[in-house]
Amino acid sequence: MVGLTKSTAIEYAQDGIRVNCVNPGYVATPNDQGDDRGARRGNTGEGADAAHGVPNEIAEAVAWMCSDKASFMTAHRT
């Protein structure tokens, strides 16, 4: 996805089209209640892997990337 994002961003840059990729890690949802995926993934509760995203946070990142506030951003992966 990283290579596709970068090559597509380069391809369409001259047309003013920005291309970015949202590639979140594990996302906690209400359907996970009691799920042990964190333990199976080796999540010890420490470090960068300790925090899980929630759908609203991802939606906010996408909305920001689509806004004029991110007009400088292209070919990035978040």
PDB file of N, CA and C in Angstrom:
ATOM      1  N   MET A   1       0.822  -1.193   0.000  1.00  0.00           N
ATOM      2  CA  MET A   1       0.000   0.000   0.000  1.00  0.00           C
ATOM      3  C   MET A   1       0.865   1.255   0.000  1.00  0.00           C
ATOM      4  N   VAL A   2       2.001   1.194   0.668  1.00  0.00           N
ATOM      5  CA  VAL A   2       2.871   2.367   0.726  1.00  0.00           C
ATOM      6  C   VAL A   2       3.352   2.717  -0.686  1.00  0.00           C
ATOM      7  N   GLY A   3       3.827   1.721  -1.422  1.00  0.00           N
ATOM      8  CA  GLY A   3       4.313   1.964  -2.778  1.00  0.00           C
ATOM      9  C   GLY A   3       3.217   2.447  -3.704  1.00  0.00           C
ATOM     10  N   LEU A   4       2.031   1.853  -3.608  1.00  0.00           N
ATOM     11  CA  LEU A   4       0.902   2.272  -4.438  1.00  0.00           C
ATOM     12  C   LEU A   4       0.505   3.708  -4.113  1.00  0.00           C
ATOM     13  N   THR A   5       0.482   4.051  -2.838  1.00  0.00           N
ATOM     14  CA  THR A   5       0.137   5.411  -2.430  1.00  0.00           C
ATOM     15  C   THR A   5       1.125   6.414  -2.995  1.00  0.00           C
ATOM     16  N   LYS A   6       2.412   6.125  -2.859  1.00  0.00           N
ATOM     17  CA  LYS A   6       3.434   7.057  -3.343  1.00  0.00           C
ATOM     18  C   LYS A   6       3.413   7.186  -4.858  1.00  0.00           C
ATOM     19  N   SER A   7       3.315   6.071  -5.568  1.00  0.00           N
ATOM     20  CA  SER A   7       3.340   6.145  -7.032  1.00  0.00           C
ATOM     21  C   SER A   7       2.091   6.832  -7.578  1.00  0.00           C
ATOM     22  N   THR A   8       0.947   6.590  -6.955  1.00  0.00           N
ATOM     23  CA  THR A   8      -0.289   7.247  -7.391  1.00  0.00           C
ATOM     24  C   THR A   8      -0.236   8.741  -7.081  1.00  0.00           C
ATOM     25  N   ALA A   9       0.320   9.104  -5.945  1.00  0.00           N
ATOM     26  CA  ALA A   9       0.454  10.524  -5.594  1.00  0.00           C
ATOM     27  C   ALA A   9       1.337  11.243  -6.598  1.00  0.00           C
ATOM     28  N   ILE A  10       2.427  10.603  -6.999  1.00  0.00           N
ATOM     29  CA  ILE A  10       3.322  11.208  -8.000  1.00  0.00           C
ATOM     30  C   ILE A  10       2.600  11.339  -9.338  1.00  0.00           C
ATOM     31  N   GLU A  11       1.878  10.302  -9.719  1.00  0.00           N
ATOM     32  CA  GLU A  11       1.167  10.285 -11.004  1.00  0.00           C
ATOM     33  C   GLU A  11       0.159  11.432 -11.125  1.00  0.00           C
ATOM     34  N   TYR A  12      -0.557  11.727 -10.043  1.00  0.00           N
ATOM     35  CA  TYR A  12      -1.640  12.712 -10.106  1.00  0.00           C
ATOM     36  C   TYR A  12      -1.303  14.063  -9.496  1.00  0.00           C
ATOM     37  N   ALA A  13      -0.088  14.262  -9.040  1.00  0.00           N
ATOM     38  CA  ALA A  13       0.296  15.530  -8.404  1.00  0.00           C
ATOM     39  C   ALA A  13       0.077  16.716  -9.328  1.00  0.00           C
ATOM     40  N   GLN A  14       0.424  16.574 -10.611  1.00  0.00           N
ATOM     41  CA  GLN A  14       0.288  17.701 -11.535  1.00  0.00           C
ATOM     42  C   GLN A  14      -1.174  18.104 -11.747  1.00  0.00           C
ATOM     43  N   ASP A  15      -2.111  17.220 -11.396  1.00  0.00           N
ATOM     44  CA  ASP A  15      -3.535  17.539 -11.519  1.00  0.00           C
ATOM     45  C   ASP A  15      -4.114  18.082 -10.212  1.00  0.00           C
ATOM     46  N   GLY A  16      -3.265  18.276  -9.209  1.00  0.00           N
ATOM     47  CA  GLY A  16      -3.717  18.798  -7.925  1.00  0.00           C
ATOM     48  C   GLY A  16      -4.464  17.772  -7.090  1.00  0.00           C
ATOM     49  N   ILE A  17      -4.282  16.498  -7.397  1.00  0.00           N
ATOM     50  CA  ILE A  17      -4.957  15.436  -6.654  1.00  0.00           C
ATOM     51  C   ILE A  17      -3.999  14.882  -5.611  1.00  0.00           C
ATOM     52  N   ARG A  18      -4.432  14.894  -4.363  1.00  0.00           N
ATOM     53  CA  ARG A  18      -3.622  14.354  -3.274  1.00  0.00           C
ATOM     54  C   ARG A  18      -4.015  12.909  -3.030  1.00  0.00           C
ATOM     55  N   VAL A  19      -3.046  12.067  -2.740  1.00  0.00           N
ATOM     56  CA  VAL A  19      -3.297  10.650  -2.465  1.00  0.00           C
ATOM     57  C   VAL A  19      -2.601  10.293  -1.160  1.00  0.00           C
ATOM     58  N   ASN A  20      -3.362   9.797  -0.207  1.00  0.00           N
ATOM     59  CA  ASN A  20      -2.835   9.368   1.081  1.00  0.00           C
ATOM     60  C   ASN A  20      -3.492   8.046   1.446  1.00  0.00           C
ATOM     61  N   CYS A  21      -2.940   7.379   2.423  1.00  0.00           N
ATOM     62  CA  CYS A  21      -3.439   6.066   2.824  1.00  0.00           C
ATOM     63  C   CYS A  21      -3.660   6.029   4.332  1.00  0.00           C
ATOM     64  N   VAL A  22      -4.775   5.493   4.738  1.00  0.00           N
ATOM     65  CA  VAL A  22      -5.050   5.269   6.158  1.00  0.00           C
ATOM     66  C   VAL A  22      -4.941   3.769   6.383  1.00  0.00           C
ATOM     67  N   ASN A  23      -3.991   3.394   7.209  1.00  0.00           N
ATOM     68  CA  ASN A  23      -3.697   1.988   7.451  1.00  0.00           C
ATOM     69  C   ASN A  23      -3.564   1.767   8.961  1.00  0.00           C
ATOM     70  N   PRO A  24      -4.697   1.815   9.677  1.00  0.00           N
ATOM     71  CA  PRO A  24      -4.612   1.699  11.131  1.00  0.00           C
ATOM     72  C   PRO A  24      -4.248   0.286  11.560  1.00  0.00           C
ATOM     73  N   GLY A  25      -3.727   0.201  12.733  1.00  0.00           N
ATOM     74  CA  GLY A  25      -3.470  -1.104  13.328  1.00  0.00           C
ATOM     75  C   GLY A  25      -4.761  -1.639  13.914  1.00  0.00           C
ATOM     76  N   TYR A  26      -4.660  -2.296  15.039  1.00  0.00           N
ATOM     77  CA  TYR A  26      -5.838  -2.849  15.703  1.00  0.00           C
ATOM     78  C   TYR A  26      -6.767  -1.729  16.128  1.00  0.00           C
ATOM     79  N   VAL A  27      -8.048  -1.881  15.858  1.00  0.00           N
ATOM     80  CA  VAL A  27      -9.054  -0.884  16.213  1.00  0.00           C
ATOM     81  C   VAL A  27     -10.060  -1.527  17.156  1.00  0.00           C
ATOM     82  N   ALA A  28     -10.209  -0.939  18.320  1.00  0.00           N
ATOM     83  CA  ALA A  28     -11.166  -1.441  19.302  1.00  0.00           C
ATOM     84  C   ALA A  28     -12.575  -1.033  18.895  1.00  0.00           C
ATOM     85  N   THR A  29     -13.485  -1.980  18.877  1.00  0.00           N
ATOM     86  CA  THR A  29     -14.892  -1.705  18.567  1.00  0.00           C
ATOM     87  C   THR A  29     -15.757  -2.361  19.632  1.00  0.00           C
ATOM     88  N   PRO A  30     -17.033  -1.993  19.696  1.00  0.00           N
ATOM     89  CA  PRO A  30     -17.920  -2.626  20.676  1.00  0.00           C
ATOM     90  C   PRO A  30     -18.008  -4.146  20.489  1.00  0.00           C
ATOM     91  N   ASN A  31     -17.759  -4.637  19.296  1.00  0.00           N
ATOM     92  CA  ASN A  31     -17.822  -6.077  19.055  1.00  0.00           C
ATOM     93  C   ASN A  31     -16.681  -6.841  19.710  1.00  0.00           C
ATOM     94  N   ASP A  32     -15.652  -6.153  20.194  1.00  0.00           N
ATOM     95  CA  ASP A  32     -14.499  -6.817  20.811  1.00  0.00           C
ATOM     96  C   ASP A  32     -14.683  -7.078  22.296  1.00  0.00           C
ATOM     97  N   GLN A  33     -15.768  -6.699  22.876  1.00  0.00           N
ATOM     98  CA  GLN A  33     -15.923  -6.836  24.319  1.00  0.00           C
ATOM     99  C   GLN A  33     -15.532  -8.242  24.762  1.00  0.00           C
ATOM    100  N   GLY A  34     -14.535  -8.311  25.641  1.00  0.00           N
ATOM    101  CA  GLY A  34     -14.079  -9.596  26.144  1.00  0.00           C
ATOM    102  C   GLY A  34     -13.152 -10.330  25.195  1.00  0.00           C
ATOM    103  N   ASP A  35     -12.801  -9.708  24.088  1.00  0.00           N
ATOM    104  CA  ASP A  35     -11.915 -10.335  23.106  1.00  0.00           C
ATOM    105  C   ASP A  35     -10.483 -10.294  23.622  1.00  0.00           C
ATOM    106  N   ASP A  36      -9.718 -11.325  23.363  1.00  0.00           N
ATOM    107  CA  ASP A  36      -8.342 -11.372  23.846  1.00  0.00           C
ATOM    108  C   ASP A  36      -7.332 -11.145  22.728  1.00  0.00           C
ATOM    109  N   ARG A  37      -7.714 -10.455  21.669  1.00  0.00           N
ATOM    110  CA  ARG A  37      -6.791 -10.223  20.559  1.00  0.00           C
ATOM    111  C   ARG A  37      -5.522  -9.521  21.008  1.00  0.00           C
ATOM    112  N   GLY A  38      -5.640  -8.597  21.937  1.00  0.00           N
ATOM    113  CA  GLY A  38      -4.455  -7.905  22.431  1.00  0.00           C
ATOM    114  C   GLY A  38      -3.448  -8.874  23.020  1.00  0.00           C
ATOM    115  N   ALA A  39      -3.941  -9.837  23.769  1.00  0.00           N
ATOM    116  CA  ALA A  39      -3.043 -10.828  24.363  1.00  0.00           C
ATOM    117  C   ALA A  39      -2.447 -11.722  23.280  1.00  0.00           C
ATOM    118  N   ARG A  40      -3.239 -12.115  22.296  1.00  0.00           N
ATOM    119  CA  ARG A  40      -2.737 -12.978  21.231  1.00  0.00           C
ATOM    120  C   ARG A  40      -1.707 -12.257  20.373  1.00  0.00           C
ATOM    121  N   ARG A  41      -1.810 -10.940  20.280  1.00  0.00           N
ATOM    122  CA  ARG A  41      -0.873 -10.160  19.485  1.00  0.00           C
ATOM    123  C   ARG A  41       0.412  -9.899  20.262  1.00  0.00           C
ATOM    124  N   GLY A  42       0.482 -10.334  21.483  1.00  0.00           N
ATOM    125  CA  GLY A  42       1.675 -10.099  22.283  1.00  0.00           C
ATOM    126  C   GLY A  42       1.688  -8.726  22.921  1.00  0.00           C
ATOM    127  N   ASN A  43       0.542  -8.108  23.022  1.00  0.00           N
ATOM    128  CA  ASN A  43       0.441  -6.775  23.606  1.00  0.00           C
ATOM    129  C   ASN A  43       0.611  -6.880  25.118  1.00  0.00           C
ATOM    130  N   THR A  44       1.671  -6.305  25.598  1.00  0.00           N
ATOM    131  CA  THR A  44       1.947  -6.349  27.032  1.00  0.00           C
ATOM    132  C   THR A  44       1.405  -5.135  27.755  1.00  0.00           C
ATOM    133  N   GLY A  45       0.825  -4.192  27.004  1.00  0.00           N
ATOM    134  CA  GLY A  45       0.323  -2.978  27.632  1.00  0.00           C
ATOM    135  C   GLY A  45       1.374  -1.898  27.738  1.00  0.00           C
ATOM    136  N   GLU A  46       2.523  -2.110  27.094  1.00  0.00           N
ATOM    137  CA  GLU A  46       3.599  -1.134  27.142  1.00  0.00           C
ATOM    138  C   GLU A  46       4.026  -0.778  25.724  1.00  0.00           C
ATOM    139  N   GLY A  47       4.518   0.422  25.549  1.00  0.00           N
ATOM    140  CA  GLY A  47       5.065   0.823  24.261  1.00  0.00           C
ATOM    141  C   GLY A  47       4.001   1.230  23.265  1.00  0.00           C
ATOM    142  N   ALA A  48       4.433   1.377  22.011  1.00  0.00           N
ATOM    143  CA  ALA A  48       3.551   1.872  20.956  1.00  0.00           C
ATOM    144  C   ALA A  48       2.393   0.926  20.680  1.00  0.00           C
ATOM    145  N   ASP A  49       2.573  -0.356  20.893  1.00  0.00           N
ATOM    146  CA  ASP A  49       1.531  -1.333  20.610  1.00  0.00           C
ATOM    147  C   ASP A  49       0.453  -1.361  21.682  1.00  0.00           C
ATOM    148  N   ALA A  50       0.671  -0.654  22.789  1.00  0.00           N
ATOM    149  CA  ALA A  50      -0.259  -0.717  23.912  1.00  0.00           C
ATOM    150  C   ALA A  50      -1.579  -0.020  23.608  1.00  0.00           C
ATOM    151  N   ALA A  51      -1.562   1.029  22.824  1.00  0.00           N
ATOM    152  CA  ALA A  51      -2.770   1.800  22.554  1.00  0.00           C
ATOM    153  C   ALA A  51      -3.468   1.270  21.309  1.00  0.00           C
ATOM    154  N   HIS A  52      -4.764   1.090  21.404  1.00  0.00           N
ATOM    155  CA  HIS A  52      -5.558   0.684  20.263  1.00  0.00           C
ATOM    156  C   HIS A  52      -6.384   1.881  19.819  1.00  0.00           C
ATOM    157  N   GLY A  53      -6.586   1.992  18.527  1.00  0.00           N
ATOM    158  CA  GLY A  53      -7.417   3.070  18.013  1.00  0.00           C
ATOM    159  C   GLY A  53      -8.889   2.770  18.223  1.00  0.00           C
ATOM    160  N   VAL A  54      -9.680   3.791  18.073  1.00  0.00           N
ATOM    161  CA  VAL A  54     -11.135   3.628  18.074  1.00  0.00           C
ATOM    162  C   VAL A  54     -11.654   4.236  16.781  1.00  0.00           C
ATOM    163  N   PRO A  55     -12.790   3.758  16.272  1.00  0.00           N
ATOM    164  CA  PRO A  55     -13.282   4.218  14.973  1.00  0.00           C
ATOM    165  C   PRO A  55     -13.373   5.739  14.836  1.00  0.00           C
ATOM    166  N   ASN A  56     -13.795   6.427  15.890  1.00  0.00           N
ATOM    167  CA  ASN A  56     -13.936   7.876  15.817  1.00  0.00           C
ATOM    168  C   ASN A  56     -12.596   8.570  15.550  1.00  0.00           C
ATOM    169  N   GLU A  57     -11.519   8.061  16.147  1.00  0.00           N
ATOM    170  CA  GLU A  57     -10.193   8.655  15.922  1.00  0.00           C
ATOM    171  C   GLU A  57      -9.769   8.502  14.462  1.00  0.00           C
ATOM    172  N   ILE A  58     -10.044   7.365  13.887  1.00  0.00           N
ATOM    173  CA  ILE A  58      -9.692   7.139  12.487  1.00  0.00           C
ATOM    174  C   ILE A  58     -10.525   8.040  11.586  1.00  0.00           C
ATOM    175  N   ALA A  59     -11.806   8.163  11.888  1.00  0.00           N
ATOM    176  CA  ALA A  59     -12.678   9.040  11.106  1.00  0.00           C
ATOM    177  C   ALA A  59     -12.199  10.490  11.165  1.00  0.00           C
ATOM    178  N   GLU A  60     -11.764  10.936  12.333  1.00  0.00           N
ATOM    179  CA  GLU A  60     -11.254  12.302  12.466  1.00  0.00           C
ATOM    180  C   GLU A  60      -9.987  12.507  11.641  1.00  0.00           C
ATOM    181  N   ALA A  61      -9.110  11.500  11.616  1.00  0.00           N
ATOM    182  CA  ALA A  61      -7.889  11.599  10.802  1.00  0.00           C
ATOM    183  C   ALA A  61      -8.228  11.679   9.320  1.00  0.00           C
ATOM    184  N   VAL A  62      -9.173  10.869   8.879  1.00  0.00           N
ATOM    185  CA  VAL A  62      -9.584  10.892   7.471  1.00  0.00           C
ATOM    186  C   VAL A  62     -10.225  12.233   7.124  1.00  0.00           C
ATOM    187  N   ALA A  63     -11.094  12.727   7.985  1.00  0.00           N
ATOM    188  CA  ALA A  63     -11.739  14.024   7.732  1.00  0.00           C
ATOM    189  C   ALA A  63     -10.700  15.134   7.632  1.00  0.00           C
ATOM    190  N   TRP A  64      -9.691  15.105   8.513  1.00  0.00           N
ATOM    191  CA  TRP A  64      -8.636  16.112   8.458  1.00  0.00           C
ATOM    192  C   TRP A  64      -7.857  16.007   7.156  1.00  0.00           C
ATOM    193  N   MET A  65      -7.516  14.776   6.750  1.00  0.00           N
ATOM    194  CA  MET A  65      -6.741  14.604   5.516  1.00  0.00           C
ATOM    195  C   MET A  65      -7.520  15.059   4.290  1.00  0.00           C
ATOM    196  N   CYS A  66      -8.839  15.023   4.352  1.00  0.00           N
ATOM    197  CA  CYS A  66      -9.678  15.474   3.228  1.00  0.00           C
ATOM    198  C   CYS A  66      -9.912  16.982   3.250  1.00  0.00           C
ATOM    199  N   SER A  67      -9.547  17.631   4.337  1.00  0.00           N
ATOM    200  CA  SER A  67      -9.812  19.061   4.475  1.00  0.00           C
ATOM    201  C   SER A  67      -8.685  19.896   3.872  1.00  0.00           C
ATOM    202  N   ASP A  68      -8.947  21.189   3.733  1.00  0.00           N
ATOM    203  CA  ASP A  68      -7.929  22.124   3.247  1.00  0.00           C
ATOM    204  C   ASP A  68      -6.769  22.263   4.231  1.00  0.00           C
ATOM    205  N   LYS A  69      -6.973  21.905   5.485  1.00  0.00           N
ATOM    206  CA  LYS A  69      -5.901  21.988   6.479  1.00  0.00           C
ATOM    207  C   LYS A  69      -4.754  21.042   6.147  1.00  0.00           C
ATOM    208  N   ALA A  70      -5.020  20.018   5.356  1.00  0.00           N
ATOM    209  CA  ALA A  70      -3.991  19.044   4.980  1.00  0.00           C
ATOM    210  C   ALA A  70      -3.602  19.196   3.509  1.00  0.00           C
ATOM    211  N   SER A  71      -3.773  20.381   2.982  1.00  0.00           N
ATOM    212  CA  SER A  71      -3.510  20.592   1.548  1.00  0.00           C
ATOM    213  C   SER A  71      -2.051  20.337   1.175  1.00  0.00           C
ATOM    214  N   PHE A  72      -1.161  20.392   2.140  1.00  0.00           N
ATOM    215  CA  PHE A  72       0.270  20.151   1.900  1.00  0.00           C
ATOM    216  C   PHE A  72       0.612  18.667   1.908  1.00  0.00           C
ATOM    217  N   MET A  73      -0.297  17.831   2.344  1.00  0.00           N
ATOM    218  CA  MET A  73       0.013  16.427   2.601  1.00  0.00           C
ATOM    219  C   MET A  73      -0.386  15.542   1.438  1.00  0.00           C
ATOM    220  N   THR A  74       0.593  14.857   0.876  1.00  0.00           N
ATOM    221  CA  THR A  74       0.322  13.854  -0.143  1.00  0.00           C
ATOM    222  C   THR A  74       1.382  12.765  -0.070  1.00  0.00           C
ATOM    223  N   ALA A  75       1.008  11.566  -0.454  1.00  0.00           N
ATOM    224  CA  ALA A  75       1.894  10.402  -0.440  1.00  0.00           C
ATOM    225  C   ALA A  75       2.281   9.973   0.960  1.00  0.00           C
ATOM    226  N   HIS A  76       1.403  10.224   1.924  1.00  0.00           N
ATOM    227  CA  HIS A  76       1.680   9.818   3.302  1.00  0.00           C
ATOM    228  C   HIS A  76       0.803   8.649   3.698  1.00  0.00           C
ATOM    229  N   ARG A  77       1.300   7.903   4.655  1.00  0.00           N
ATOM    230  CA  ARG A  77       0.561   6.771   5.216  1.00  0.00           C
ATOM    231  C   ARG A  77       0.400   7.033   6.707  1.00  0.00           C
ATOM    232  N   THR A  78      -0.831   6.969   7.180  1.00  0.00           N
ATOM    233  CA  THR A  78      -1.073   7.144   8.612  1.00  0.00           C
ATOM    234  C   THR A  78      -1.736   5.928   9.178  1.00  0.00           C
TER     235      THR A  78
END
